Amino acid sequence: MTNQNQNVLYTGVTNTLKRRVLEHKENRGSEFTKKYKVHKLVYLEVTNDVNAAIFREKQIKAGSRQKKLDLINGSNKEWRDLFEDL
């Protein structure tokens, strides 16, 4: 997820994506997302394996900012809010 200026990136795991994104949009998410107004879903991956999801989250978080930008740009060059598609 990102903010309006697209200068903050947030990575997280959830079992209910729509609910979690709504929490962020309504400033009921994490303190980080409240502080930086992270309301825009620009990238997602789906799995039914919670351990795989946590492992992948750690991989993404450990990566450089450029790797995160490459992930987003690889599937969402316009950085549109994917929440509209949920």
PDB file of N, CA and C in Angstrom:
ATOM      1  N   MET A   1       0.851  -1.168   0.000  1.00  0.00           N
ATOM      2  CA  MET A   1       0.000   0.000   0.000  1.00  0.00           C
ATOM      3  C   MET A   1       0.896   1.230   0.000  1.00  0.00           C
ATOM      4  N   THR A   2       0.306   2.352  -0.407  1.00  0.00           N
ATOM      5  CA  THR A   2       1.060   3.599  -0.448  1.00  0.00           C
ATOM      6  C   THR A   2       0.150   4.759  -0.077  1.00  0.00           C
ATOM      7  N   ASN A   3       0.750   5.937   0.010  1.00  0.00           N
ATOM      8  CA  ASN A   3      -0.014   7.145   0.308  1.00  0.00           C
ATOM      9  C   ASN A   3      -0.297   7.924  -0.985  1.00  0.00           C
ATOM     10  N   GLN A   4      -0.941   9.053  -0.849  1.00  0.00           N
ATOM     11  CA  GLN A   4      -1.346   9.841  -2.019  1.00  0.00           C
ATOM     12  C   GLN A   4      -0.147  10.257  -2.866  1.00  0.00           C
ATOM     13  N   ASN A   5       0.968  10.611  -2.215  1.00  0.00           N
ATOM     14  CA  ASN A   5       2.157  11.057  -2.948  1.00  0.00           C
ATOM     15  C   ASN A   5       3.037   9.902  -3.416  1.00  0.00           C
ATOM     16  N   GLN A   6       2.670   8.692  -3.058  1.00  0.00           N
ATOM     17  CA  GLN A   6       3.388   7.480  -3.442  1.00  0.00           C
ATOM     18  C   GLN A   6       4.838   7.482  -2.977  1.00  0.00           C
ATOM     19  N   ASN A   7       5.101   8.125  -1.845  1.00  0.00           N
ATOM     20  CA  ASN A   7       6.468   8.150  -1.326  1.00  0.00           C
ATOM     21  C   ASN A   7       6.641   7.261  -0.095  1.00  0.00           C
ATOM     22  N   VAL A   8       5.561   6.606   0.338  1.00  0.00           N
ATOM     23  CA  VAL A   8       5.612   5.672   1.458  1.00  0.00           C
ATOM     24  C   VAL A   8       5.095   4.326   0.970  1.00  0.00           C
ATOM     25  N   LEU A   9       5.786   3.257   1.338  1.00  0.00           N
ATOM     26  CA  LEU A   9       5.345   1.910   0.982  1.00  0.00           C
ATOM     27  C   LEU A   9       5.112   1.110   2.258  1.00  0.00           C
ATOM     28  N   TYR A  10       4.026   0.364   2.297  1.00  0.00           N
ATOM     29  CA  TYR A  10       3.658  -0.453   3.450  1.00  0.00           C
ATOM     30  C   TYR A  10       3.363  -1.867   2.975  1.00  0.00           C
ATOM     31  N   THR A  11       3.910  -2.838   3.675  1.00  0.00           N
ATOM     32  CA  THR A  11       3.687  -4.250   3.346  1.00  0.00           C
ATOM     33  C   THR A  11       3.076  -4.937   4.548  1.00  0.00           C
ATOM     34  N   GLY A  12       2.058  -5.742   4.314  1.00  0.00           N
ATOM     35  CA  GLY A  12       1.436  -6.469   5.406  1.00  0.00           C
ATOM     36  C   GLY A  12       0.768  -7.741   4.926  1.00  0.00           C
ATOM     37  N   VAL A  13       0.335  -8.555   5.889  1.00  0.00           N
ATOM     38  CA  VAL A  13      -0.356  -9.812   5.618  1.00  0.00           C
ATOM     39  C   VAL A  13      -1.724  -9.747   6.279  1.00  0.00           C
ATOM     40  N   THR A  14      -2.726 -10.283   5.615  1.00  0.00           N
ATOM     41  CA  THR A  14      -4.060 -10.356   6.193  1.00  0.00           C
ATOM     42  C   THR A  14      -4.784 -11.580   5.651  1.00  0.00           C
ATOM     43  N   ASN A  15      -5.782 -12.026   6.396  1.00  0.00           N
ATOM     44  CA  ASN A  15      -6.597 -13.125   5.895  1.00  0.00           C
ATOM     45  C   ASN A  15      -7.882 -12.626   5.244  1.00  0.00           C
ATOM     46  N   THR A  16      -8.131 -11.325   5.350  1.00  0.00           N
ATOM     47  CA  THR A  16      -9.310 -10.709   4.732  1.00  0.00           C
ATOM     48  C   THR A  16      -8.897  -9.361   4.150  1.00  0.00           C
ATOM     49  N   LEU A  17      -8.470  -9.371   2.895  1.00  0.00           N
ATOM     50  CA  LEU A  17      -7.882  -8.180   2.282  1.00  0.00           C
ATOM     51  C   LEU A  17      -8.840  -6.996   2.246  1.00  0.00           C
ATOM     52  N   LYS A  18     -10.061  -7.209   1.818  1.00  0.00           N
ATOM     53  CA  LYS A  18     -11.006  -6.099   1.696  1.00  0.00           C
ATOM     54  C   LYS A  18     -11.218  -5.401   3.042  1.00  0.00           C
ATOM     55  N   ARG A  19     -11.424  -6.186   4.093  1.00  0.00           N
ATOM     56  CA  ARG A  19     -11.620  -5.614   5.431  1.00  0.00           C
ATOM     57  C   ARG A  19     -10.392  -4.825   5.862  1.00  0.00           C
ATOM     58  N   ARG A  20      -9.212  -5.403   5.649  1.00  0.00           N
ATOM     59  CA  ARG A  20      -7.984  -4.756   6.106  1.00  0.00           C
ATOM     60  C   ARG A  20      -7.723  -3.456   5.358  1.00  0.00           C
ATOM     61  N   VAL A  21      -7.944  -3.440   4.064  1.00  0.00           N
ATOM     62  CA  VAL A  21      -7.745  -2.207   3.296  1.00  0.00           C
ATOM     63  C   VAL A  21      -8.734  -1.143   3.751  1.00  0.00           C
ATOM     64  N   LEU A  22      -9.969  -1.534   4.004  1.00  0.00           N
ATOM     65  CA  LEU A  22     -10.961  -0.575   4.522  1.00  0.00           C
ATOM     66  C   LEU A  22     -10.511   0.006   5.858  1.00  0.00           C
ATOM     67  N   GLU A  23      -9.937  -0.816   6.712  1.00  0.00           N
ATOM     68  CA  GLU A  23      -9.418  -0.307   7.987  1.00  0.00           C
ATOM     69  C   GLU A  23      -8.366   0.766   7.751  1.00  0.00           C
ATOM     70  N   HIS A  24      -7.468   0.515   6.814  1.00  0.00           N
ATOM     71  CA  HIS A  24      -6.436   1.514   6.507  1.00  0.00           C
ATOM     72  C   HIS A  24      -7.059   2.780   5.930  1.00  0.00           C
ATOM     73  N   LYS A  25      -7.991   2.629   5.020  1.00  0.00           N
ATOM     74  CA  LYS A  25      -8.636   3.791   4.396  1.00  0.00           C
ATOM     75  C   LYS A  25      -9.402   4.631   5.416  1.00  0.00           C
ATOM     76  N   GLU A  26      -9.912   3.979   6.462  1.00  0.00           N
ATOM     77  CA  GLU A  26     -10.671   4.675   7.502  1.00  0.00           C
ATOM     78  C   GLU A  26      -9.797   5.015   8.712  1.00  0.00           C
ATOM     79  N   ASN A  27      -8.484   4.958   8.538  1.00  0.00           N
ATOM     80  CA  ASN A  27      -7.514   5.247   9.597  1.00  0.00           C
ATOM     81  C   ASN A  27      -7.717   4.398  10.841  1.00  0.00           C
ATOM     82  N   ARG A  28      -8.103   3.151  10.627  1.00  0.00           N
ATOM     83  CA  ARG A  28      -8.222   2.205  11.726  1.00  0.00           C
ATOM     84  C   ARG A  28      -7.174   1.108  11.589  1.00  0.00           C
ATOM     85  N   GLY A  29      -6.204   1.309  10.720  1.00  0.00           N
ATOM     86  CA  GLY A  29      -5.143   0.326  10.510  1.00  0.00           C
ATOM     87  C   GLY A  29      -4.031   0.513  11.524  1.00  0.00           C
ATOM     88  N   SER A  30      -2.838   0.160  11.153  1.00  0.00           N
ATOM     89  CA  SER A  30      -1.689   0.290  12.043  1.00  0.00           C
ATOM     90  C   SER A  30      -1.360   1.756  12.296  1.00  0.00           C
ATOM     91  N   GLU A  31      -0.586   1.993  13.332  1.00  0.00           N
ATOM     92  CA  GLU A  31      -0.148   3.363  13.638  1.00  0.00           C
ATOM     93  C   GLU A  31       0.652   3.947  12.475  1.00  0.00           C
ATOM     94  N   PHE A  32       1.463   3.115  11.840  1.00  0.00           N
ATOM     95  CA  PHE A  32       2.254   3.562  10.698  1.00  0.00           C
ATOM     96  C   PHE A  32       1.347   4.071   9.582  1.00  0.00           C
ATOM     97  N   THR A  33       0.327   3.293   9.239  1.00  0.00           N
ATOM     98  CA  THR A  33      -0.542   3.696   8.135  1.00  0.00           C
ATOM     99  C   THR A  33      -1.384   4.904   8.486  1.00  0.00           C
ATOM    100  N   LYS A  34      -1.729   5.060   9.752  1.00  0.00           N
ATOM    101  CA  LYS A  34      -2.451   6.274  10.181  1.00  0.00           C
ATOM    102  C   LYS A  34      -1.545   7.492  10.037  1.00  0.00           C
ATOM    103  N   LYS A  35      -0.338   7.370  10.544  1.00  0.00           N
ATOM    104  CA  LYS A  35       0.610   8.491  10.535  1.00  0.00           C
ATOM    105  C   LYS A  35       0.914   8.976   9.121  1.00  0.00           C
ATOM    106  N   TYR A  36       1.124   8.026   8.206  1.00  0.00           N
ATOM    107  CA  TYR A  36       1.536   8.381   6.849  1.00  0.00           C
ATOM    108  C   TYR A  36       0.401   8.339   5.822  1.00  0.00           C
ATOM    109  N   LYS A  37      -0.837   8.166   6.318  1.00  0.00           N
ATOM    110  CA  LYS A  37      -2.027   8.182   5.451  1.00  0.00           C
ATOM    111  C   LYS A  37      -1.892   7.204   4.282  1.00  0.00           C
ATOM    112  N   VAL A  38      -1.546   5.969   4.630  1.00  0.00           N
ATOM    113  CA  VAL A  38      -1.378   4.902   3.643  1.00  0.00           C
ATOM    114  C   VAL A  38      -2.749   4.291   3.378  1.00  0.00           C
ATOM    115  N   HIS A  39      -3.367   4.686   2.260  1.00  0.00           N
ATOM    116  CA  HIS A  39      -4.743   4.311   1.957  1.00  0.00           C
ATOM    117  C   HIS A  39      -4.926   3.643   0.598  1.00  0.00           C
ATOM    118  N   LYS A  40      -3.872   3.493  -0.164  1.00  0.00           N
ATOM    119  CA  LYS A  40      -4.010   3.054  -1.551  1.00  0.00           C
ATOM    120  C   LYS A  40      -3.355   1.686  -1.756  1.00  0.00           C
ATOM    121  N   LEU A  41      -4.145   0.705  -2.156  1.00  0.00           N
ATOM    122  CA  LEU A  41      -3.647  -0.641  -2.442  1.00  0.00           C
ATOM    123  C   LEU A  41      -3.105  -0.666  -3.865  1.00  0.00           C
ATOM    124  N   VAL A  42      -1.800  -0.875  -4.011  1.00  0.00           N
ATOM    125  CA  VAL A  42      -1.195  -0.844  -5.345  1.00  0.00           C
ATOM    126  C   VAL A  42      -0.574  -2.175  -5.760  1.00  0.00           C
ATOM    127  N   TYR A  43      -0.496  -3.120  -4.835  1.00  0.00           N
ATOM    128  CA  TYR A  43       0.093  -4.423  -5.159  1.00  0.00           C
ATOM    129  C   TYR A  43      -0.476  -5.455  -4.200  1.00  0.00           C
ATOM    130  N   LEU A  44      -0.699  -6.672  -4.717  1.00  0.00           N
ATOM    131  CA  LEU A  44      -1.135  -7.752  -3.840  1.00  0.00           C
ATOM    132  C   LEU A  44      -0.712  -9.088  -4.402  1.00  0.00           C
ATOM    133  N   GLU A  45      -0.552 -10.026  -3.504  1.00  0.00           N
ATOM    134  CA  GLU A  45      -0.304 -11.423  -3.849  1.00  0.00           C
ATOM    135  C   GLU A  45      -1.284 -12.238  -3.021  1.00  0.00           C
ATOM    136  N   VAL A  46      -1.781 -13.328  -3.581  1.00  0.00           N
ATOM    137  CA  VAL A  46      -2.776 -14.156  -2.899  1.00  0.00           C
ATOM    138  C   VAL A  46      -2.248 -15.571  -2.728  1.00  0.00           C
ATOM    139  N   THR A  47      -2.435 -16.119  -1.525  1.00  0.00           N
ATOM    140  CA  THR A  47      -2.119 -17.518  -1.249  1.00  0.00           C
ATOM    141  C   THR A  47      -3.059 -18.011  -0.159  1.00  0.00           C
ATOM    142  N   ASN A  48      -3.305 -19.296  -0.115  1.00  0.00           N
ATOM    143  CA  ASN A  48      -4.105 -19.891   0.948  1.00  0.00           C
ATOM    144  C   ASN A  48      -3.234 -20.422   2.078  1.00  0.00           C
ATOM    145  N   ASP A  49      -1.933 -20.319   1.939  1.00  0.00           N
ATOM    146  CA  ASP A  49      -0.972 -20.839   2.918  1.00  0.00           C
ATOM    147  C   ASP A  49      -0.435 -19.685   3.765  1.00  0.00           C
ATOM    148  N   VAL A  50      -0.859 -19.624   5.034  1.00  0.00           N
ATOM    149  CA  VAL A  50      -0.472 -18.515   5.902  1.00  0.00           C
ATOM    150  C   VAL A  50       1.046 -18.458   6.094  1.00  0.00           C
ATOM    151  N   ASN A  51       1.694 -19.611   6.181  1.00  0.00           N
ATOM    152  CA  ASN A  51       3.149 -19.609   6.349  1.00  0.00           C
ATOM    153  C   ASN A  51       3.853 -19.062   5.114  1.00  0.00           C
ATOM    154  N   ALA A  52       3.346 -19.390   3.943  1.00  0.00           N
ATOM    155  CA  ALA A  52       3.913 -18.850   2.707  1.00  0.00           C
ATOM    156  C   ALA A  52       3.702 -17.335   2.647  1.00  0.00           C
ATOM    157  N   ALA A  53       2.550 -16.868   3.110  1.00  0.00           N
ATOM    158  CA  ALA A  53       2.258 -15.432   3.107  1.00  0.00           C
ATOM    159  C   ALA A  53       3.213 -14.680   4.030  1.00  0.00           C
ATOM    160  N   ILE A  54       3.438 -15.216   5.210  1.00  0.00           N
ATOM    161  CA  ILE A  54       4.350 -14.568   6.161  1.00  0.00           C
ATOM    162  C   ILE A  54       5.777 -14.580   5.630  1.00  0.00           C
ATOM    163  N   PHE A  55       6.181 -15.699   5.040  1.00  0.00           N
ATOM    164  CA  PHE A  55       7.516 -15.790   4.447  1.00  0.00           C
ATOM    165  C   PHE A  55       7.681 -14.755   3.341  1.00  0.00           C
ATOM    166  N   ARG A  56       6.665 -14.631   2.480  1.00  0.00           N
ATOM    167  CA  ARG A  56       6.728 -13.678   1.363  1.00  0.00           C
ATOM    168  C   ARG A  56       6.750 -12.246   1.866  1.00  0.00           C
ATOM    169  N   GLU A  57       5.955 -11.954   2.906  1.00  0.00           N
ATOM    170  CA  GLU A  57       5.968 -10.611   3.494  1.00  0.00           C
ATOM    171  C   GLU A  57       7.373 -10.256   3.968  1.00  0.00           C
ATOM    172  N   LYS A  58       8.023 -11.177   4.633  1.00  0.00           N
ATOM    173  CA  LYS A  58       9.385 -10.937   5.122  1.00  0.00           C
ATOM    174  C   LYS A  58      10.356 -10.720   3.967  1.00  0.00           C
ATOM    175  N   GLN A  59      10.184 -11.481   2.885  1.00  0.00           N
ATOM    176  CA  GLN A  59      11.030 -11.298   1.698  1.00  0.00           C
ATOM    177  C   GLN A  59      10.864  -9.894   1.136  1.00  0.00           C
ATOM    178  N   ILE A  60       9.627  -9.468   0.990  1.00  0.00           N
ATOM    179  CA  ILE A  60       9.353  -8.144   0.412  1.00  0.00           C
ATOM    180  C   ILE A  60       9.905  -7.053   1.322  1.00  0.00           C
ATOM    181  N   LYS A  61       9.635  -7.162   2.613  1.00  0.00           N
ATOM    182  CA  LYS A  61      10.120  -6.147   3.551  1.00  0.00           C
ATOM    183  C   LYS A  61      11.638  -6.058   3.563  1.00  0.00           C
ATOM    184  N   ALA A  62      12.313  -7.191   3.374  1.00  0.00           N
ATOM    185  CA  ALA A  62      13.778  -7.209   3.388  1.00  0.00           C
ATOM    186  C   ALA A  62      14.383  -6.656   2.101  1.00  0.00           C
ATOM    187  N   GLY A  63      13.580  -6.566   1.060  1.00  0.00           N
ATOM    188  CA  GLY A  63      14.077  -6.091  -0.224  1.00  0.00           C
ATOM    189  C   GLY A  63      14.266  -4.579  -0.239  1.00  0.00           C
ATOM    190  N   SER A  64      14.998  -4.133  -1.207  1.00  0.00           N
ATOM    191  CA  SER A  64      15.242  -2.694  -1.357  1.00  0.00           C
ATOM    192  C   SER A  64      13.972  -1.989  -1.825  1.00  0.00           C
ATOM    193  N   ARG A  65      13.969  -0.693  -1.683  1.00  0.00           N
ATOM    194  CA  ARG A  65      12.854   0.099  -2.180  1.00  0.00           C
ATOM    195  C   ARG A  65      12.687  -0.134  -3.680  1.00  0.00           C
ATOM    196  N   GLN A  66      13.794  -0.217  -4.407  1.00  0.00           N
ATOM    197  CA  GLN A  66      13.727  -0.424  -5.849  1.00  0.00           C
ATOM    198  C   GLN A  66      13.060  -1.749  -6.188  1.00  0.00           C
ATOM    199  N   LYS A  67      13.343  -2.791  -5.424  1.00  0.00           N
ATOM    200  CA  LYS A  67      12.699  -4.081  -5.679  1.00  0.00           C
ATOM    201  C   LYS A  67      11.190  -3.979  -5.457  1.00  0.00           C
ATOM    202  N   LYS A  68      10.787  -3.220  -4.452  1.00  0.00           N
ATOM    203  CA  LYS A  68       9.355  -3.018  -4.194  1.00  0.00           C
ATOM    204  C   LYS A  68       8.719  -2.233  -5.340  1.00  0.00           C
ATOM    205  N   LEU A  69       9.402  -1.208  -5.802  1.00  0.00           N
ATOM    206  CA  LEU A  69       8.894  -0.425  -6.932  1.00  0.00           C
ATOM    207  C   LEU A  69       8.777  -1.298  -8.180  1.00  0.00           C
ATOM    208  N   ASP A  70       9.756  -2.164  -8.389  1.00  0.00           N
ATOM    209  CA  ASP A  70       9.719  -3.066  -9.545  1.00  0.00           C
ATOM    210  C   ASP A  70       8.527  -4.024  -9.469  1.00  0.00           C
ATOM    211  N   LEU A  71       8.229  -4.533  -8.268  1.00  0.00           N
ATOM    212  CA  LEU A  71       7.058  -5.398  -8.090  1.00  0.00           C
ATOM    213  C   LEU A  71       5.780  -4.661  -8.478  1.00  0.00           C
ATOM    214  N   ILE A  72       5.632  -3.455  -7.965  1.00  0.00           N
ATOM    215  CA  ILE A  72       4.425  -2.664  -8.240  1.00  0.00           C
ATOM    216  C   ILE A  72       4.343  -2.334  -9.728  1.00  0.00           C
ATOM    217  N   ASN A  73       5.425  -1.805 -10.271  1.00  0.00           N
ATOM    218  CA  ASN A  73       5.420  -1.409 -11.679  1.00  0.00           C
ATOM    219  C   ASN A  73       5.238  -2.588 -12.623  1.00  0.00           C
ATOM    220  N   GLY A  74       5.628  -3.775 -12.177  1.00  0.00           N
ATOM    221  CA  GLY A  74       5.476  -4.964 -13.003  1.00  0.00           C
ATOM    222  C   GLY A  74       4.025  -5.367 -13.220  1.00  0.00           C
ATOM    223  N   SER A  75       3.166  -5.011 -12.298  1.00  0.00           N
ATOM    224  CA  SER A  75       1.762  -5.414 -12.431  1.00  0.00           C
ATOM    225  C   SER A  75       0.784  -4.245 -12.403  1.00  0.00           C
ATOM    226  N   ASN A  76       1.255  -3.057 -12.057  1.00  0.00           N
ATOM    227  CA  ASN A  76       0.357  -1.908 -11.899  1.00  0.00           C
ATOM    228  C   ASN A  76       1.112  -0.612 -12.215  1.00  0.00           C
ATOM    229  N   LYS A  77       1.517  -0.472 -13.466  1.00  0.00           N
ATOM    230  CA  LYS A  77       2.326   0.689 -13.877  1.00  0.00           C
ATOM    231  C   LYS A  77       1.671   2.029 -13.551  1.00  0.00           C
ATOM    232  N   GLU A  78       0.347   2.074 -13.554  1.00  0.00           N
ATOM    233  CA  GLU A  78      -0.368   3.333 -13.293  1.00  0.00           C
ATOM    234  C   GLU A  78      -0.519   3.606 -11.803  1.00  0.00           C
ATOM    235  N   TRP A  79      -0.156   2.653 -10.965  1.00  0.00           N
ATOM    236  CA  TRP A  79      -0.306   2.759  -9.521  1.00  0.00           C
ATOM    237  C   TRP A  79      -1.747   3.094  -9.146  1.00  0.00           C
ATOM    238  N   ARG A  80      -2.687   2.488  -9.861  1.00  0.00           N
ATOM    239  CA  ARG A  80      -4.099   2.736  -9.516  1.00  0.00           C
ATOM    240  C   ARG A  80      -4.452   1.937  -8.277  1.00  0.00           C
ATOM    241  N   ASP A  81      -5.491   2.363  -7.591  1.00  0.00           N
ATOM    242  CA  ASP A  81      -5.944   1.726  -6.366  1.00  0.00           C
ATOM    243  C   ASP A  81      -6.655   0.423  -6.717  1.00  0.00           C
ATOM    244  N   LEU A  82      -6.049  -0.705  -6.371  1.00  0.00           N
ATOM    245  CA  LEU A  82      -6.602  -2.013  -6.699  1.00  0.00           C
ATOM    246  C   LEU A  82      -7.804  -2.376  -5.819  1.00  0.00           C
ATOM    247  N   PHE A  83      -8.053  -1.599  -4.791  1.00  0.00           N
ATOM    248  CA  PHE A  83      -9.195  -1.861  -3.916  1.00  0.00           C
ATOM    249  C   PHE A  83     -10.496  -1.845  -4.710  1.00  0.00           C
ATOM    250  N   GLU A  84     -10.552  -1.010  -5.729  1.00  0.00           N
ATOM    251  CA  GLU A  84     -11.752  -0.899  -6.556  1.00  0.00           C
ATOM    252  C   GLU A  84     -12.097  -2.226  -7.227  1.00  0.00           C
ATOM    253  N   ASP A  85     -11.115  -3.113  -7.404  1.00  0.00           N
ATOM    254  CA  ASP A  85     -11.322  -4.398  -8.069  1.00  0.00           C
ATOM    255  C   ASP A  85     -11.713  -5.521  -7.108  1.00  0.00           C
ATOM    256  N   LEU A  86     -11.636  -5.271  -5.817  1.00  0.00           N
ATOM    257  CA  LEU A  86     -11.930  -6.332  -4.841  1.00  0.00           C
ATOM    258  C   LEU A  86     -13.414  -6.588  -4.729  1.00  0.00           C
TER     259      LEU A  86
END
